[in-house]
Amino acid sequence: MALPNFGQMKDMYGLAKKAKQMQKELKDLEVEGRSANGEVTVVVSGEMKIVSIDISEHMLEKGKKRELEDIIKETVAKALATAQSESATRMQPLLKDMNFPGM
């Protein structure tokens, strides 16, 4: 088995460096999902972690529990989908550099 040449090692180092930078960018990325009625806002990081949830006082009224649960679930899903899409878009150039088929 042949050892990688210096050029290949340099390319691998460059890709690793780009991947580390991309990981930092995704960690710093924050996207917002807002419910259709504007009563709930969810912020998600590029790492798919919930950063914050903001619920209007109006939604905390008695008798709105089920509605609030549904709205939170929908809004979290929307924020996660946006974060996944944005992350994929940002990762695409790096994946092309790695020569993955179909990229």
Protein backbone atom coordinates (compact mmCIF):
# COMPACT_ATOMS: atom_id res chain seq x y z
CA MET A 1 0.00 0.00 0.00
CA ALA A 2 1.46 3.33 -1.07
CA LEU A 3 1.85 6.13 1.40
CA PRO A 4 0.14 9.44 0.57
CA ASN A 5 2.47 11.97 -1.00
CA PHE A 6 3.15 15.41 0.47
CA GLY A 7 0.57 17.05 -1.81
CA GLN A 8 -2.15 14.68 -0.65
CA MET A 9 -1.21 15.22 2.98
CA LYS A 10 -1.35 18.98 2.44
CA ASP A 11 -4.80 18.62 0.84
CA MET A 12 -6.03 16.51 3.76
CA TYR A 13 -4.71 19.09 6.23
CA GLY A 14 -6.47 21.85 4.29
CA LEU A 15 -9.75 19.93 4.33
CA ALA A 16 -9.44 19.26 8.06
CA LYS A 17 -8.82 22.96 8.64
CA LYS A 18 -11.88 23.88 6.53
CA ALA A 19 -13.99 21.32 8.39
CA LYS A 20 -12.96 22.76 11.76
CA GLN A 21 -13.81 26.28 10.56
CA MET A 22 -17.17 25.07 9.25
CA GLN A 23 -17.90 23.42 12.60
CA LYS A 24 -17.26 26.76 14.34
CA GLU A 25 -19.49 28.60 11.86
CA LEU A 26 -22.31 26.12 12.43
CA LYS A 27 -21.92 26.46 16.19
CA ASP A 28 -22.25 30.24 15.84
CA LEU A 29 -25.15 30.03 13.36
CA GLU A 30 -28.57 30.80 14.83
CA VAL A 31 -31.84 30.60 12.92
CA GLU A 32 -35.30 31.57 14.03
CA GLY A 33 -38.61 29.81 13.62
CA ARG A 34 -41.77 31.77 14.25
CA SER A 35 -45.25 30.32 14.63
CA ALA A 36 -47.88 31.27 12.06
CA ASN A 37 -49.70 33.39 14.65
CA GLY A 38 -46.43 35.02 15.82
CA GLU A 39 -47.04 33.92 19.42
CA VAL A 40 -44.04 31.56 19.68
CA THR A 41 -40.45 32.06 18.51
CA VAL A 42 -37.77 29.38 18.64
CA VAL A 43 -34.07 29.98 17.99
CA VAL A 44 -31.95 26.97 16.98
CA SER A 45 -28.19 26.74 16.45
CA GLY A 46 -26.48 25.23 13.42
CA GLU A 47 -25.71 22.29 15.70
CA MET A 48 -29.47 21.66 15.96
CA LYS A 49 -29.64 22.75 19.59
CA ILE A 50 -32.47 24.91 20.88
CA VAL A 51 -31.01 28.25 21.95
CA SER A 52 -34.20 29.92 23.14
CA ILE A 53 -37.99 29.73 23.14
CA ASP A 54 -40.10 32.87 23.50
CA ILE A 55 -43.82 32.52 24.23
CA SER A 56 -46.18 35.48 24.32
CA GLU A 57 -48.08 36.06 27.56
CA HIS A 58 -51.33 35.63 25.64
CA MET A 59 -50.52 31.94 25.03
CA LEU A 60 -50.05 31.32 28.76
CA GLU A 61 -53.72 31.88 29.53
CA LYS A 62 -55.68 29.04 31.11
CA GLY A 63 -57.22 26.68 28.59
CA LYS A 64 -54.52 27.18 25.92
CA LYS A 65 -52.25 24.31 27.00
CA ARG A 66 -53.00 21.99 24.06
CA GLU A 67 -52.83 24.83 21.51
CA LEU A 68 -49.52 25.99 22.99
CA GLU A 69 -48.04 22.48 22.87
CA ASP A 70 -49.00 22.12 19.19
CA ILE A 71 -47.62 25.55 18.31
CA ILE A 72 -44.32 24.88 20.12
CA LYS A 73 -43.94 21.52 18.36
CA GLU A 74 -44.61 23.06 14.93
CA THR A 75 -42.32 26.03 15.57
CA VAL A 76 -39.43 23.87 16.80
CA ALA A 77 -39.81 21.67 13.70
CA LYS A 78 -39.77 24.76 11.48
CA ALA A 79 -36.65 26.17 13.17
CA LEU A 80 -34.84 22.81 12.97
CA ALA A 81 -35.70 22.44 9.28
CA THR A 82 -34.35 25.93 8.58
CA ALA A 83 -31.16 25.20 10.55
CA GLN A 84 -30.66 21.90 8.69
CA SER A 85 -31.16 23.57 5.33
CA GLU A 86 -28.77 26.42 6.15
CA SER A 87 -26.18 23.99 7.52
CA ALA A 88 -26.39 21.83 4.40
CA THR A 89 -25.98 24.88 2.17
CA ARG A 90 -22.90 25.98 4.09
CA MET A 91 -21.43 22.46 4.09
CA GLN A 92 -21.86 21.90 0.36
CA PRO A 93 -18.56 23.55 -0.72
CA LEU A 94 -16.64 21.50 1.85
CA LEU A 95 -18.29 18.27 0.71
CA LYS A 96 -17.44 19.11 -2.91
CA ASP A 97 -13.79 19.54 -1.90
CA MET A 98 -13.91 16.05 -0.37
CA ASN A 99 -15.15 14.65 -3.72
CA PHE A 100 -18.26 12.93 -2.37
CA PRO A 101 -20.30 11.47 -5.24
CA GLY A 102 -23.38 13.46 -6.16
CA MET A 103 -22.18 16.70 -4.60
